[in-house]
Amino acid sequence: MEAFLVTDEAFAAWQSGYSTDTFYESGKTSQGEINAALPSGGGAYYLLFKNNSSLRTGKEVHAGVSLHYNRWFPEWLLRLREQLWRGVQPLA
């Protein structure tokens, strides 16, 4: 099988049968780990699995996926925002 990580726009192109840029492409493999850095900011991304190497035999794919990200804002700024949002005076 193969795994791909693509943007929303690239997914639309892929669905139409066009080749497209990917953030990650595994190549043919039976197992692996995806480690791909995505650009900062929002967006929709698709994790695709392609498993058409042997059409005669049945296949089963198991995937465990987790997303890890870093916040752009420092933690103290997020706490300050939360306190102000609730109307609580921040501590000095």
N, C-alpha and C. Protein backbone atom coordinates (compact mmCIF):
# COMPACT_ATOMS: atom_id res chain seq x y z
N MET A 1 0.82 -1.18 0.00
CA MET A 1 0.00 0.00 0.00
C MET A 1 0.87 1.24 0.00
N GLU A 2 0.25 2.36 -0.25
CA GLU A 2 0.92 3.65 -0.21
C GLU A 2 0.09 4.62 0.62
N ALA A 3 0.75 5.55 1.29
CA ALA A 3 0.07 6.58 2.07
C ALA A 3 0.51 7.95 1.55
N PHE A 4 -0.43 8.88 1.53
CA PHE A 4 -0.18 10.24 1.06
C PHE A 4 -0.83 11.23 2.01
N LEU A 5 -0.19 12.36 2.23
CA LEU A 5 -0.76 13.46 3.01
C LEU A 5 -0.81 14.66 2.08
N VAL A 6 -2.02 15.18 1.83
CA VAL A 6 -2.19 16.24 0.83
C VAL A 6 -3.09 17.36 1.36
N THR A 7 -3.03 18.51 0.70
CA THR A 7 -3.89 19.64 1.03
C THR A 7 -5.28 19.42 0.43
N ASP A 8 -6.18 20.30 0.78
CA ASP A 8 -7.54 20.26 0.25
C ASP A 8 -7.53 20.38 -1.27
N GLU A 9 -6.76 21.32 -1.78
CA GLU A 9 -6.68 21.53 -3.24
C GLU A 9 -6.06 20.32 -3.95
N ALA A 10 -5.02 19.77 -3.35
CA ALA A 10 -4.37 18.61 -3.95
C ALA A 10 -5.29 17.39 -3.93
N PHE A 11 -6.13 17.28 -2.90
CA PHE A 11 -7.07 16.17 -2.83
C PHE A 11 -8.07 16.24 -3.97
N ALA A 12 -8.55 17.45 -4.27
CA ALA A 12 -9.49 17.62 -5.38
C ALA A 12 -8.84 17.20 -6.70
N ALA A 13 -7.59 17.56 -6.90
CA ALA A 13 -6.87 17.17 -8.12
C ALA A 13 -6.68 15.66 -8.16
N TRP A 14 -6.31 15.06 -7.02
CA TRP A 14 -6.10 13.62 -6.93
C TRP A 14 -7.37 12.86 -7.25
N GLN A 15 -8.52 13.34 -6.75
CA GLN A 15 -9.80 12.69 -7.03
C GLN A 15 -10.12 12.72 -8.52
N SER A 16 -9.65 13.74 -9.21
CA SER A 16 -9.89 13.86 -10.65
C SER A 16 -8.88 13.08 -11.48
N GLY A 17 -7.95 12.41 -10.82
CA GLY A 17 -6.98 11.58 -11.52
C GLY A 17 -5.68 12.25 -11.89
N TYR A 18 -5.48 13.48 -11.41
CA TYR A 18 -4.25 14.21 -11.71
C TYR A 18 -3.19 13.94 -10.65
N SER A 19 -1.93 13.98 -11.04
CA SER A 19 -0.86 13.90 -10.05
C SER A 19 -0.75 15.25 -9.35
N THR A 20 -0.28 15.24 -8.12
CA THR A 20 -0.27 16.47 -7.34
C THR A 20 0.87 16.45 -6.33
N ASP A 21 1.16 17.60 -5.75
CA ASP A 21 2.18 17.70 -4.70
C ASP A 21 1.64 17.09 -3.40
N THR A 22 2.53 16.54 -2.61
CA THR A 22 2.15 15.95 -1.33
C THR A 22 3.07 16.46 -0.24
N PHE A 23 2.58 16.45 1.00
CA PHE A 23 3.44 16.73 2.15
C PHE A 23 4.17 15.47 2.58
N TYR A 24 3.57 14.33 2.26
CA TYR A 24 4.18 13.04 2.61
C TYR A 24 3.75 12.02 1.58
N GLU A 25 4.67 11.15 1.19
CA GLU A 25 4.38 10.03 0.30
C GLU A 25 5.25 8.87 0.75
N SER A 26 4.63 7.76 1.11
CA SER A 26 5.35 6.64 1.70
C SER A 26 6.09 5.78 0.68
N GLY A 27 5.62 5.75 -0.56
CA GLY A 27 6.10 4.73 -1.48
C GLY A 27 5.43 3.42 -1.09
N LYS A 28 5.63 2.37 -1.85
CA LYS A 28 5.00 1.09 -1.53
C LYS A 28 5.63 0.51 -0.27
N THR A 29 4.77 0.16 0.69
CA THR A 29 5.24 -0.36 1.97
C THR A 29 4.16 -1.21 2.63
N SER A 30 4.55 -2.04 3.56
CA SER A 30 3.57 -2.82 4.31
C SER A 30 3.36 -2.24 5.71
N GLN A 31 4.25 -1.35 6.15
CA GLN A 31 4.10 -0.67 7.43
C GLN A 31 4.99 0.55 7.46
N GLY A 32 4.73 1.45 8.38
CA GLY A 32 5.57 2.63 8.47
C GLY A 32 5.03 3.65 9.43
N GLU A 33 5.75 4.75 9.53
CA GLU A 33 5.38 5.86 10.39
C GLU A 33 5.43 7.14 9.57
N ILE A 34 4.39 7.94 9.69
CA ILE A 34 4.32 9.20 8.96
C ILE A 34 4.81 10.31 9.89
N ASN A 35 5.78 11.07 9.43
CA ASN A 35 6.28 12.20 10.18
C ASN A 35 6.41 13.35 9.18
N ALA A 36 5.39 14.21 9.14
CA ALA A 36 5.37 15.28 8.15
C ALA A 36 5.09 16.61 8.84
N ALA A 37 5.86 17.62 8.51
CA ALA A 37 5.64 18.96 9.05
C ALA A 37 4.70 19.71 8.12
N LEU A 38 3.63 20.23 8.68
CA LEU A 38 2.67 21.01 7.91
C LEU A 38 2.94 22.49 8.12
N PRO A 39 2.56 23.34 7.18
CA PRO A 39 2.79 24.77 7.35
C PRO A 39 1.90 25.33 8.47
N SER A 40 2.34 26.44 9.05
CA SER A 40 1.53 27.07 10.10
C SER A 40 0.27 27.66 9.48
N GLY A 41 -0.72 27.86 10.31
CA GLY A 41 -2.00 28.38 9.84
C GLY A 41 -3.01 27.26 9.67
N GLY A 42 -4.22 27.64 9.41
CA GLY A 42 -5.30 26.66 9.26
C GLY A 42 -5.32 26.03 7.89
N GLY A 43 -6.09 24.99 7.78
CA GLY A 43 -6.24 24.33 6.49
C GLY A 43 -6.78 22.93 6.66
N ALA A 44 -7.25 22.38 5.58
CA ALA A 44 -7.74 21.00 5.58
C ALA A 44 -6.69 20.13 4.91
N TYR A 45 -6.42 19.00 5.52
CA TYR A 45 -5.45 18.05 5.00
C TYR A 45 -6.08 16.67 4.96
N TYR A 46 -5.68 15.87 4.01
CA TYR A 46 -6.23 14.53 3.84
C TYR A 46 -5.12 13.50 3.92
N LEU A 47 -5.36 12.44 4.67
CA LEU A 47 -4.47 11.30 4.73
C LEU A 47 -5.10 10.23 3.86
N LEU A 48 -4.43 9.87 2.78
CA LEU A 48 -4.97 8.93 1.80
C LEU A 48 -4.20 7.63 1.84
N PHE A 49 -4.90 6.53 1.67
CA PHE A 49 -4.29 5.22 1.55
C PHE A 49 -4.66 4.65 0.19
N LYS A 50 -3.67 4.20 -0.54
CA LYS A 50 -3.87 3.59 -1.85
C LYS A 50 -3.35 2.16 -1.76
N ASN A 51 -4.22 1.21 -2.07
CA ASN A 51 -3.85 -0.19 -1.89
C ASN A 51 -4.34 -0.98 -3.09
N ASN A 52 -3.73 -0.77 -4.24
CA ASN A 52 -4.17 -1.46 -5.45
C ASN A 52 -3.05 -2.27 -6.10
N SER A 53 -2.07 -2.69 -5.32
CA SER A 53 -0.93 -3.40 -5.91
C SER A 53 -1.30 -4.80 -6.40
N SER A 54 -2.23 -5.46 -5.74
CA SER A 54 -2.67 -6.79 -6.17
C SER A 54 -4.18 -6.85 -6.06
N LEU A 55 -4.86 -6.78 -7.18
CA LEU A 55 -6.31 -6.73 -7.16
C LEU A 55 -6.96 -8.09 -6.91
N ARG A 56 -6.19 -9.16 -6.95
CA ARG A 56 -6.75 -10.51 -6.79
C ARG A 56 -6.96 -10.91 -5.34
N THR A 57 -6.18 -10.35 -4.44
CA THR A 57 -6.27 -10.77 -3.04
C THR A 57 -6.89 -9.68 -2.18
N GLY A 58 -7.64 -10.11 -1.17
CA GLY A 58 -8.23 -9.17 -0.24
C GLY A 58 -7.17 -8.56 0.67
N LYS A 59 -7.45 -7.39 1.16
CA LYS A 59 -6.49 -6.69 2.01
C LYS A 59 -7.22 -6.06 3.18
N GLU A 60 -6.48 -5.83 4.24
CA GLU A 60 -7.01 -5.15 5.41
C GLU A 60 -5.97 -4.14 5.86
N VAL A 61 -6.39 -2.91 6.07
CA VAL A 61 -5.47 -1.84 6.49
C VAL A 61 -5.87 -1.38 7.88
N HIS A 62 -4.90 -1.31 8.78
CA HIS A 62 -5.10 -0.78 10.13
C HIS A 62 -4.23 0.45 10.28
N ALA A 63 -4.81 1.53 10.78
CA ALA A 63 -4.03 2.75 10.95
C ALA A 63 -4.35 3.39 12.29
N GLY A 64 -3.33 3.80 13.00
CA GLY A 64 -3.47 4.60 14.20
C GLY A 64 -2.85 5.95 13.89
N VAL A 65 -3.63 7.02 13.98
CA VAL A 65 -3.16 8.34 13.56
C VAL A 65 -3.30 9.32 14.72
N SER A 66 -2.25 10.07 14.98
CA SER A 66 -2.32 11.14 15.98
C SER A 66 -1.64 12.37 15.40
N LEU A 67 -2.12 13.51 15.81
CA LEU A 67 -1.61 14.79 15.34
C LEU A 67 -0.99 15.52 16.51
N HIS A 68 0.23 15.97 16.35
CA HIS A 68 0.93 16.75 17.37
C HIS A 68 1.23 18.12 16.78
N TYR A 69 0.99 19.15 17.57
CA TYR A 69 1.25 20.49 17.06
C TYR A 69 1.82 21.38 18.15
N ASN A 70 2.49 22.42 17.73
CA ASN A 70 3.02 23.44 18.63
C ASN A 70 2.15 24.67 18.50
N ARG A 71 1.91 25.31 19.61
CA ARG A 71 1.14 26.55 19.58
C ARG A 71 2.06 27.69 19.19
N TRP A 72 1.48 28.62 18.46
CA TRP A 72 2.25 29.79 18.08
C TRP A 72 2.35 30.76 19.24
N PHE A 73 1.26 30.84 20.06
CA PHE A 73 1.25 31.76 21.20
C PHE A 73 1.89 31.10 22.41
N PRO A 74 2.65 31.87 23.20
CA PRO A 74 3.21 31.31 24.44
C PRO A 74 2.09 31.00 25.43
N GLU A 75 2.32 30.03 26.29
CA GLU A 75 1.30 29.59 27.25
C GLU A 75 0.82 30.72 28.15
N TRP A 76 1.72 31.61 28.60
CA TRP A 76 1.33 32.70 29.49
C TRP A 76 0.35 33.63 28.80
N LEU A 77 0.49 33.84 27.51
CA LEU A 77 -0.41 34.71 26.77
C LEU A 77 -1.80 34.07 26.64
N LEU A 78 -1.84 32.77 26.46
CA LEU A 78 -3.13 32.07 26.38
C LEU A 78 -3.86 32.13 27.72
N ARG A 79 -3.11 32.00 28.85
CA ARG A 79 -3.74 32.10 30.17
C ARG A 79 -4.27 33.51 30.41
N LEU A 80 -3.51 34.52 30.01
CA LEU A 80 -3.94 35.91 30.15
C LEU A 80 -5.22 36.15 29.36
N ARG A 81 -5.26 35.67 28.16
CA ARG A 81 -6.45 35.81 27.32
C ARG A 81 -7.66 35.14 27.98
N GLU A 82 -7.46 33.96 28.54
CA GLU A 82 -8.55 33.24 29.20
C GLU A 82 -9.05 34.02 30.41
N GLN A 83 -8.14 34.59 31.19
CA GLN A 83 -8.54 35.36 32.36
C GLN A 83 -9.32 36.60 31.95
N LEU A 84 -8.86 37.29 30.94
CA LEU A 84 -9.55 38.49 30.48
C LEU A 84 -10.91 38.15 29.88
N TRP A 85 -10.99 37.04 29.21
CA TRP A 85 -12.24 36.61 28.58
C TRP A 85 -13.30 36.36 29.65
N ARG A 86 -12.89 35.79 30.79
CA ARG A 86 -13.81 35.51 31.89
C ARG A 86 -14.03 36.72 32.79
N GLY A 87 -13.34 37.82 32.55
CA GLY A 87 -13.48 39.01 33.35
C GLY A 87 -12.71 38.97 34.64
N VAL A 88 -11.76 38.07 34.76
CA VAL A 88 -10.94 37.96 35.96
C VAL A 88 -9.67 38.78 35.75
N GLN A 89 -9.29 39.53 36.78
CA GLN A 89 -8.08 40.34 36.70
C GLN A 89 -6.86 39.42 36.73
N PRO A 90 -5.90 39.60 35.85
CA PRO A 90 -4.68 38.76 35.87
C PRO A 90 -3.84 39.05 37.09
N LEU A 91 -3.14 38.03 37.55
CA LEU A 91 -2.22 38.18 38.67
C LEU A 91 -0.94 38.82 38.21
N ALA A 92 -0.35 39.64 39.07
CA ALA A 92 0.90 40.31 38.72
C ALA A 92 2.06 39.38 38.77
